[in-house]
């Protein structure tokens, strides 16, 4: 973790990886009962792994979308579930 602002922002960065990446996620209240979550993702593979970049990008996008689907599910659950 390279940056953390409780209730607002978290930034993480890989230290040792064939796919160096930096991810910043921000949370912003847009109106009562409504919140916007933004993800900024930077990085990519180096060397020969660069040839796989399109496949890796699609995989990363699907993973991020699944994370947000789970987050919405958790946030919308009633406490008794």
PDB file of N, CA and C in Angstrom:
ATOM      1  N   UNK A   1       0.866  -1.164   0.000  1.00  0.00           N
ATOM      2  CA  UNK A   1       0.000   0.000   0.000  1.00  0.00           C
ATOM      3  C   UNK A   1       0.911   1.224   0.000  1.00  0.00           C
ATOM      4  N   UNK A   2       0.638   2.117  -0.917  1.00  0.00           N
ATOM      5  CA  UNK A   2       1.472   3.312  -1.033  1.00  0.00           C
ATOM      6  C   UNK A   2       0.756   4.576  -0.560  1.00  0.00           C
ATOM      7  N   UNK A   3      -0.565   4.479  -0.418  1.00  0.00           N
ATOM      8  CA  UNK A   3      -1.342   5.644   0.036  1.00  0.00           C
ATOM      9  C   UNK A   3      -2.666   5.159   0.602  1.00  0.00           C
ATOM     10  N   UNK A   4      -3.102   5.783   1.688  1.00  0.00           N
ATOM     11  CA  UNK A   4      -4.365   5.404   2.306  1.00  0.00           C
ATOM     12  C   UNK A   4      -4.984   6.620   2.963  1.00  0.00           C
ATOM     13  N   UNK A   5      -6.210   6.920   2.578  1.00  0.00           N
ATOM     14  CA  UNK A   5      -6.995   7.979   3.202  1.00  0.00           C
ATOM     15  C   UNK A   5      -8.297   7.323   3.644  1.00  0.00           C
ATOM     16  N   UNK A   6      -8.443   7.025   4.943  1.00  0.00           N
ATOM     17  CA  UNK A   6      -9.620   6.291   5.426  1.00  0.00           C
ATOM     18  C   UNK A   6     -10.940   6.872   4.910  1.00  0.00           C
ATOM     19  N   UNK A   7     -11.785   5.966   4.410  1.00  0.00           N
ATOM     20  CA  UNK A   7     -13.099   6.368   3.921  1.00  0.00           C
ATOM     21  C   UNK A   7     -13.092   7.071   2.585  1.00  0.00           C
ATOM     22  N   UNK A   8     -11.905   7.210   1.959  1.00  0.00           N
ATOM     23  CA  UNK A   8     -11.847   7.939   0.705  1.00  0.00           C
ATOM     24  C   UNK A   8     -10.992   7.293  -0.382  1.00  0.00           C
ATOM     25  N   UNK A   9      -9.802   6.773  -0.028  1.00  0.00           N
ATOM     26  CA  UNK A   9      -8.875   6.358  -1.075  1.00  0.00           C
ATOM     27  C   UNK A   9      -7.906   5.293  -0.562  1.00  0.00           C
ATOM     28  N   UNK A  10      -7.569   4.351  -1.437  1.00  0.00           N
ATOM     29  CA  UNK A  10      -6.489   3.401  -1.175  1.00  0.00           C
ATOM     30  C   UNK A  10      -5.722   3.216  -2.474  1.00  0.00           C
ATOM     31  N   UNK A  11      -4.393   3.168  -2.345  1.00  0.00           N
ATOM     32  CA  UNK A  11      -3.543   2.974  -3.513  1.00  0.00           C
ATOM     33  C   UNK A  11      -2.578   1.841  -3.203  1.00  0.00           C
ATOM     34  N   UNK A  12      -2.481   0.896  -4.128  1.00  0.00           N
ATOM     35  CA  UNK A  12      -1.551  -0.210  -3.954  1.00  0.00           C
ATOM     36  C   UNK A  12      -0.676  -0.317  -5.192  1.00  0.00           C
ATOM     37  N   UNK A  13       0.505  -0.879  -4.986  1.00  0.00           N
ATOM     38  CA  UNK A  13       1.444  -1.029  -6.090  1.00  0.00           C
ATOM     39  C   UNK A  13       2.185  -2.350  -5.904  1.00  0.00           C
ATOM     40  N   UNK A  14       2.332  -3.105  -6.993  1.00  0.00           N
ATOM     41  CA  UNK A  14       3.104  -4.339  -6.904  1.00  0.00           C
ATOM     42  C   UNK A  14       4.572  -3.990  -6.756  1.00  0.00           C
ATOM     43  N   UNK A  15       5.259  -4.801  -5.991  1.00  0.00           N
ATOM     44  CA  UNK A  15       6.676  -4.559  -5.762  1.00  0.00           C
ATOM     45  C   UNK A  15       7.518  -5.489  -6.631  1.00  0.00           C
ATOM     46  N   UNK A  16       7.176  -6.768  -6.624  1.00  0.00           N
ATOM     47  CA  UNK A  16       7.893  -7.749  -7.451  1.00  0.00           C
ATOM     48  C   UNK A  16       6.864  -8.480  -8.295  1.00  0.00           C
ATOM     49  N   UNK A  17       6.931  -8.278  -9.604  1.00  0.00           N
ATOM     50  CA  UNK A  17       5.937  -8.898 -10.462  1.00  0.00           C
ATOM     51  C   UNK A  17       6.377  -8.843 -11.914  1.00  0.00           C
ATOM     52  N   UNK A  18       5.906  -9.821 -12.701  1.00  0.00           N
ATOM     53  CA  UNK A  18       6.123  -9.752 -14.148  1.00  0.00           C
ATOM     54  C   UNK A  18       5.111  -8.810 -14.782  1.00  0.00           C
ATOM     55  N   UNK A  19       4.125  -8.397 -13.994  1.00  0.00           N
ATOM     56  CA  UNK A  19       3.074  -7.493 -14.454  1.00  0.00           C
ATOM     57  C   UNK A  19       2.968  -6.343 -13.450  1.00  0.00           C
ATOM     58  N   UNK A  20       3.934  -5.394 -13.481  1.00  0.00           N
ATOM     59  CA  UNK A  20       3.889  -4.283 -12.524  1.00  0.00           C
ATOM     60  C   UNK A  20       2.618  -3.461 -12.708  1.00  0.00           C
ATOM     61  N   UNK A  21       1.986  -3.128 -11.601  1.00  0.00           N
ATOM     62  CA  UNK A  21       0.705  -2.415 -11.666  1.00  0.00           C
ATOM     63  C   UNK A  21       0.534  -1.522 -10.447  1.00  0.00           C
ATOM     64  N   UNK A  22      -0.158  -0.433 -10.652  1.00  0.00           N
ATOM     65  CA  UNK A  22      -0.526   0.484  -9.569  1.00  0.00           C
ATOM     66  C   UNK A  22      -2.036   0.699  -9.669  1.00  0.00           C
ATOM     67  N   UNK A  23      -2.737   0.480  -8.565  1.00  0.00           N
ATOM     68  CA  UNK A  23      -4.194   0.609  -8.537  1.00  0.00           C
ATOM     69  C   UNK A  23      -4.583   1.628  -7.481  1.00  0.00           C
ATOM     70  N   UNK A  24      -5.380   2.595  -7.879  1.00  0.00           N
ATOM     71  CA  UNK A  24      -5.931   3.579  -6.948  1.00  0.00           C
ATOM     72  C   UNK A  24      -7.445   3.445  -6.988  1.00  0.00           C
ATOM     73  N   UNK A  25      -8.054   3.263  -5.812  1.00  0.00           N
ATOM     74  CA  UNK A  25      -9.515   3.194  -5.728  1.00  0.00           C
ATOM     75  C   UNK A  25      -9.989   4.326  -4.840  1.00  0.00           C
ATOM     76  N   UNK A  26     -10.950   5.082  -5.358  1.00  0.00           N
ATOM     77  CA  UNK A  26     -11.509   6.222  -4.636  1.00  0.00           C
ATOM     78  C   UNK A  26     -12.996   6.016  -4.400  1.00  0.00           C
ATOM     79  N   UNK A  27     -13.456   6.463  -3.248  1.00  0.00           N
ATOM     80  CA  UNK A  27     -14.877   6.401  -2.904  1.00  0.00           C
ATOM     81  C   UNK A  27     -15.347   7.833  -2.695  1.00  0.00           C
ATOM     82  N   UNK A  28     -16.488   8.171  -3.316  1.00  0.00           N
ATOM     83  CA  UNK A  28     -17.009   9.534  -3.244  1.00  0.00           C
ATOM     84  C   UNK A  28     -18.526   9.494  -3.067  1.00  0.00           C
ATOM     85  N   UNK A  29     -19.016  10.141  -2.008  1.00  0.00           N
ATOM     86  CA  UNK A  29     -20.469  10.253  -1.818  1.00  0.00           C
ATOM     87  C   UNK A  29     -21.003  11.204  -2.880  1.00  0.00           C
ATOM     88  N   UNK A  30     -22.030  10.758  -3.612  1.00  0.00           N
ATOM     89  CA  UNK A  30     -22.591  11.602  -4.670  1.00  0.00           C
ATOM     90  C   UNK A  30     -23.913  12.231  -4.250  1.00  0.00           C
ATOM     91  N   UNK A  31     -24.625  11.569  -3.344  1.00  0.00           N
ATOM     92  CA  UNK A  31     -25.869  12.081  -2.786  1.00  0.00           C
ATOM     93  C   UNK A  31     -26.213  11.188  -1.596  1.00  0.00           C
ATOM     94  N   UNK A  32     -27.180  11.575  -0.779  1.00  0.00           N
ATOM     95  CA  UNK A  32     -27.530  10.707   0.352  1.00  0.00           C
ATOM     96  C   UNK A  32     -27.882   9.293  -0.123  1.00  0.00           C
ATOM     97  N   UNK A  33     -27.185   8.310   0.412  1.00  0.00           N
ATOM     98  CA  UNK A  33     -27.445   6.921   0.058  1.00  0.00           C
ATOM     99  C   UNK A  33     -26.819   6.462  -1.245  1.00  0.00           C
ATOM    100  N   UNK A  34     -26.000   7.299  -1.861  1.00  0.00           N
ATOM    101  CA  UNK A  34     -25.389   6.949  -3.140  1.00  0.00           C
ATOM    102  C   UNK A  34     -23.889   7.253  -3.104  1.00  0.00           C
ATOM    103  N   UNK A  35     -23.107   6.326  -3.637  1.00  0.00           N
ATOM    104  CA  UNK A  35     -21.650   6.467  -3.625  1.00  0.00           C
ATOM    105  C   UNK A  35     -21.083   6.060  -4.974  1.00  0.00           C
ATOM    106  N   UNK A  36     -20.054   6.770  -5.402  1.00  0.00           N
ATOM    107  CA  UNK A  36     -19.344   6.430  -6.641  1.00  0.00           C
ATOM    108  C   UNK A  36     -17.986   5.858  -6.239  1.00  0.00           C
ATOM    109  N   UNK A  37     -17.610   4.737  -6.854  1.00  0.00           N
ATOM    110  CA  UNK A  37     -16.301   4.137  -6.638  1.00  0.00           C
ATOM    111  C   UNK A  37     -15.568   4.187  -7.968  1.00  0.00           C
ATOM    112  N   UNK A  38     -14.360   4.742  -7.947  1.00  0.00           N
ATOM    113  CA  UNK A  38     -13.557   4.841  -9.164  1.00  0.00           C
ATOM    114  C   UNK A  38     -12.276   4.044  -8.984  1.00  0.00           C
ATOM    115  N   UNK A  39     -11.842   3.387 -10.043  1.00  0.00           N
ATOM    116  CA  UNK A  39     -10.569   2.674 -10.038  1.00  0.00           C
ATOM    117  C   UNK A  39      -9.689   3.235 -11.149  1.00  0.00           C
ATOM    118  N   UNK A  40      -8.474   3.560 -10.798  1.00  0.00           N
ATOM    119  CA  UNK A  40      -7.477   4.001 -11.776  1.00  0.00           C
ATOM    120  C   UNK A  40      -6.389   2.934 -11.767  1.00  0.00           C
ATOM    121  N   UNK A  41      -6.158   2.306 -12.895  1.00  0.00           N
ATOM    122  CA  UNK A  41      -5.207   1.212 -12.982  1.00  0.00           C
ATOM    123  C   UNK A  41      -4.140   1.569 -14.006  1.00  0.00           C
ATOM    124  N   UNK A  42      -2.891   1.491 -13.560  1.00  0.00           N
ATOM    125  CA  UNK A  42      -1.776   1.829 -14.433  1.00  0.00           C
ATOM    126  C   UNK A  42      -0.758   0.689 -14.395  1.00  0.00           C
ATOM    127  N   UNK A  43      -0.122   0.444 -15.507  1.00  0.00           N
ATOM    128  CA  UNK A  43       0.927  -0.567 -15.554  1.00  0.00           C
ATOM    129  C   UNK A  43       0.725  -1.515 -16.699  1.00  0.00           C
ATOM    130  N   UNK A  44       1.574  -2.488 -16.751  1.00  0.00           N
ATOM    131  CA  UNK A  44       1.480  -3.488 -17.799  1.00  0.00           C
ATOM    132  C   UNK A  44       2.696  -4.379 -17.792  1.00  0.00           C
ATOM    133  N   UNK A  45       2.647  -5.424 -18.562  1.00  0.00           N
ATOM    134  CA  UNK A  45       3.750  -6.378 -18.590  1.00  0.00           C
ATOM    135  C   UNK A  45       4.978  -5.807 -19.283  1.00  0.00           C
ATOM    136  N   UNK A  46       6.112  -6.359 -18.935  1.00  0.00           N
ATOM    137  CA  UNK A  46       7.357  -5.953 -19.572  1.00  0.00           C
ATOM    138  C   UNK A  46       7.956  -7.122 -20.340  1.00  0.00           C
ATOM    139  N   UNK A  47       8.983  -6.849 -21.105  1.00  0.00           N
ATOM    140  CA  UNK A  47       9.688  -7.890 -21.841  1.00  0.00           C
ATOM    141  C   UNK A  47       8.783  -8.662 -22.782  1.00  0.00           C
ATOM    142  N   UNK A  48       9.012  -9.976 -22.846  1.00  0.00           N
ATOM    143  CA  UNK A  48       8.220 -10.832 -23.734  1.00  0.00           C
ATOM    144  C   UNK A  48       6.764 -10.925 -23.307  1.00  0.00           C
ATOM    145  N   UNK A  49       6.496 -10.713 -22.015  1.00  0.00           N
ATOM    146  CA  UNK A  49       5.115 -10.758 -21.521  1.00  0.00           C
ATOM    147  C   UNK A  49       4.258  -9.687 -22.187  1.00  0.00           C
ATOM    148  N   UNK A  50       4.911  -8.684 -22.748  1.00  0.00           N
ATOM    149  CA  UNK A  50       4.183  -7.608 -23.425  1.00  0.00           C
ATOM    150  C   UNK A  50       3.306  -8.152 -24.562  1.00  0.00           C
ATOM    151  N   UNK A  51       3.714  -9.277 -25.141  1.00  0.00           N
ATOM    152  CA  UNK A  51       2.935  -9.889 -26.223  1.00  0.00           C
ATOM    153  C   UNK A  51       1.569 -10.361 -25.728  1.00  0.00           C
ATOM    154  N   UNK A  52       1.468 -10.660 -24.437  1.00  0.00           N
ATOM    155  CA  UNK A  52       0.210 -11.135 -23.866  1.00  0.00           C
ATOM    156  C   UNK A  52      -0.651 -10.011 -23.298  1.00  0.00           C
ATOM    157  N   UNK A  53      -0.212  -8.776 -23.463  1.00  0.00           N
ATOM    158  CA  UNK A  53      -0.914  -7.636 -22.860  1.00  0.00           C
ATOM    159  C   UNK A  53      -2.408  -7.584 -23.175  1.00  0.00           C
ATOM    160  N   UNK A  54      -2.850  -7.780 -24.417  1.00  0.00           N
ATOM    161  CA  UNK A  54      -4.301  -7.714 -24.679  1.00  0.00           C
ATOM    162  C   UNK A  54      -5.092  -8.752 -23.874  1.00  0.00           C
ATOM    163  N   UNK A  55      -4.569  -9.973 -23.777  1.00  0.00           N
ATOM    164  CA  UNK A  55      -5.255 -11.007 -22.999  1.00  0.00           C
ATOM    165  C   UNK A  55      -5.262 -10.665 -21.515  1.00  0.00           C
ATOM    166  N   UNK A  56      -4.137 -10.170 -21.023  1.00  0.00           N
ATOM    167  CA  UNK A  56      -4.027  -9.820 -19.613  1.00  0.00           C
ATOM    168  C   UNK A  56      -4.944  -8.651 -19.264  1.00  0.00           C
ATOM    169  N   UNK A  57      -5.067  -7.697 -20.176  1.00  0.00           N
ATOM    170  CA  UNK A  57      -5.940  -6.544 -19.939  1.00  0.00           C
ATOM    171  C   UNK A  57      -7.395  -6.984 -19.834  1.00  0.00           C
ATOM    172  N   UNK A  58      -7.824  -7.890 -20.718  1.00  0.00           N
ATOM    173  CA  UNK A  58      -9.200  -8.397 -20.653  1.00  0.00           C
ATOM    174  C   UNK A  58      -9.438  -9.144 -19.354  1.00  0.00           C
ATOM    175  N   UNK A  59      -8.474  -9.944 -18.955  1.00  0.00           N
ATOM    176  CA  UNK A  59      -8.591 -10.711 -17.713  1.00  0.00           C
ATOM    177  C   UNK A  59      -8.673  -9.778 -16.507  1.00  0.00           C
ATOM    178  N   UNK A  60      -7.847  -8.746 -16.495  1.00  0.00           N
ATOM    179  CA  UNK A  60      -7.862  -7.780 -15.388  1.00  0.00           C
ATOM    180  C   UNK A  60      -9.201  -7.049 -15.337  1.00  0.00           C
ATOM    181  N   UNK A  61      -9.731  -6.674 -16.487  1.00  0.00           N
ATOM    182  CA  UNK A  61     -11.019  -5.971 -16.531  1.00  0.00           C
ATOM    183  C   UNK A  61     -12.133  -6.854 -15.969  1.00  0.00           C
ATOM    184  N   UNK A  62     -12.159  -8.123 -16.359  1.00  0.00           N
ATOM    185  CA  UNK A  62     -13.178  -9.043 -15.850  1.00  0.00           C
ATOM    186  C   UNK A  62     -13.053  -9.215 -14.342  1.00  0.00           C
ATOM    187  N   UNK A  63     -11.826  -9.302 -13.861  1.00  0.00           N
ATOM    188  CA  UNK A  63     -11.589  -9.462 -12.422  1.00  0.00           C
ATOM    189  C   UNK A  63     -12.084  -8.242 -11.647  1.00  0.00           C
ATOM    190  N   UNK A  64     -11.808  -7.062 -12.164  1.00  0.00           N
ATOM    191  CA  UNK A  64     -12.244  -5.823 -11.507  1.00  0.00           C
ATOM    192  C   UNK A  64     -13.761  -5.723 -11.517  1.00  0.00           C
ATOM    193  N   UNK A  65     -14.387  -6.061 -12.634  1.00  0.00           N
ATOM    194  CA  UNK A  65     -15.853  -6.025 -12.705  1.00  0.00           C
ATOM    195  C   UNK A  65     -16.462  -7.004 -11.706  1.00  0.00           C
ATOM    196  N   UNK A  66     -15.867  -8.176 -11.565  1.00  0.00           N
ATOM    197  CA  UNK A  66     -16.360  -9.166 -10.594  1.00  0.00           C
ATOM    198  C   UNK A  66     -16.199  -8.634  -9.165  1.00  0.00           C
ATOM    199  N   UNK A  67     -15.082  -7.956  -8.900  1.00  0.00           N
ATOM    200  CA  UNK A  67     -14.880  -7.352  -7.566  1.00  0.00           C
ATOM    201  C   UNK A  67     -15.991  -6.362  -7.253  1.00  0.00           C
ATOM    202  N   UNK A  68     -16.322  -5.510  -8.215  1.00  0.00           N
ATOM    203  CA  UNK A  68     -17.366  -4.515  -7.978  1.00  0.00           C
ATOM    204  C   UNK A  68     -18.743  -5.147  -7.864  1.00  0.00           C
ATOM    205  N   UNK A  69     -18.998  -6.199  -8.619  1.00  0.00           N
ATOM    206  CA  UNK A  69     -20.269  -6.917  -8.475  1.00  0.00           C
ATOM    207  C   UNK A  69     -20.400  -7.475  -7.059  1.00  0.00           C
ATOM    208  N   UNK A  70     -19.313  -8.063  -6.538  1.00  0.00           N
ATOM    209  CA  UNK A  70     -19.334  -8.583  -5.160  1.00  0.00           C
ATOM    210  C   UNK A  70     -19.525  -7.462  -4.153  1.00  0.00           C
ATOM    211  N   UNK A  71     -18.867  -6.326  -4.384  1.00  0.00           N
ATOM    212  CA  UNK A  71     -19.000  -5.184  -3.475  1.00  0.00           C
ATOM    213  C   UNK A  71     -20.443  -4.706  -3.430  1.00  0.00           C
ATOM    214  N   UNK A  72     -21.078  -4.555  -4.584  1.00  0.00           N
ATOM    215  CA  UNK A  72     -22.480  -4.125  -4.631  1.00  0.00           C
ATOM    216  C   UNK A  72     -23.358  -5.126  -3.886  1.00  0.00           C
ATOM    217  N   UNK A  73     -23.124  -6.413  -4.118  1.00  0.00           N
ATOM    218  CA  UNK A  73     -23.896  -7.445  -3.433  1.00  0.00           C
ATOM    219  C   UNK A  73     -23.754  -7.325  -1.914  1.00  0.00           C
ATOM    220  N   UNK A  74     -22.539  -7.161  -1.447  1.00  0.00           N
ATOM    221  CA  UNK A  74     -22.314  -7.038  -0.006  1.00  0.00           C
ATOM    222  C   UNK A  74     -22.964  -5.786   0.575  1.00  0.00           C
ATOM    223  N   UNK A  75     -22.868  -4.684  -0.149  1.00  0.00           N
ATOM    224  CA  UNK A  75     -23.411  -3.414   0.357  1.00  0.00           C
ATOM    225  C   UNK A  75     -24.935  -3.392   0.343  1.00  0.00           C
ATOM    226  N   UNK A  76     -25.533  -4.130  -0.587  1.00  0.00           N
ATOM    227  CA  UNK A  76     -27.005  -4.102  -0.693  1.00  0.00           C
ATOM    228  C   UNK A  76     -27.693  -5.170   0.135  1.00  0.00           C
ATOM    229  N   UNK A  77     -26.948  -6.054   0.756  1.00  0.00           N
ATOM    230  CA  UNK A  77     -27.541  -7.068   1.613  1.00  0.00           C
ATOM    231  C   UNK A  77     -28.160  -6.441   2.853  1.00  0.00           C
ATOM    232  N   UNK A  78     -29.240  -7.046   3.311  1.00  0.00           N
ATOM    233  CA  UNK A  78     -29.808  -6.613   4.589  1.00  0.00           C
ATOM    234  C   UNK A  78     -28.996  -7.265   5.697  1.00  0.00           C
ATOM    235  N   UNK A  79     -28.925  -6.672   6.879  1.00  0.00           N
ATOM    236  CA  UNK A  79     -28.098  -7.222   7.959  1.00  0.00           C
ATOM    237  C   UNK A  79     -28.441  -8.663   8.328  1.00  0.00           C
ATOM    238  N   UNK A  80     -29.662  -9.129   8.086  1.00  0.00           N
ATOM    239  CA  UNK A  80     -30.050 -10.491   8.469  1.00  0.00           C
ATOM    240  C   UNK A  80     -29.574 -11.542   7.478  1.00  0.00           C
ATOM    241  N   UNK A  81     -29.071 -11.139   6.312  1.00  0.00           N
ATOM    242  CA  UNK A  81     -28.625 -12.119   5.292  1.00  0.00           C
ATOM    243  C   UNK A  81     -27.265 -12.669   5.619  1.00  0.00           C
TER     244      UNK A  81
END
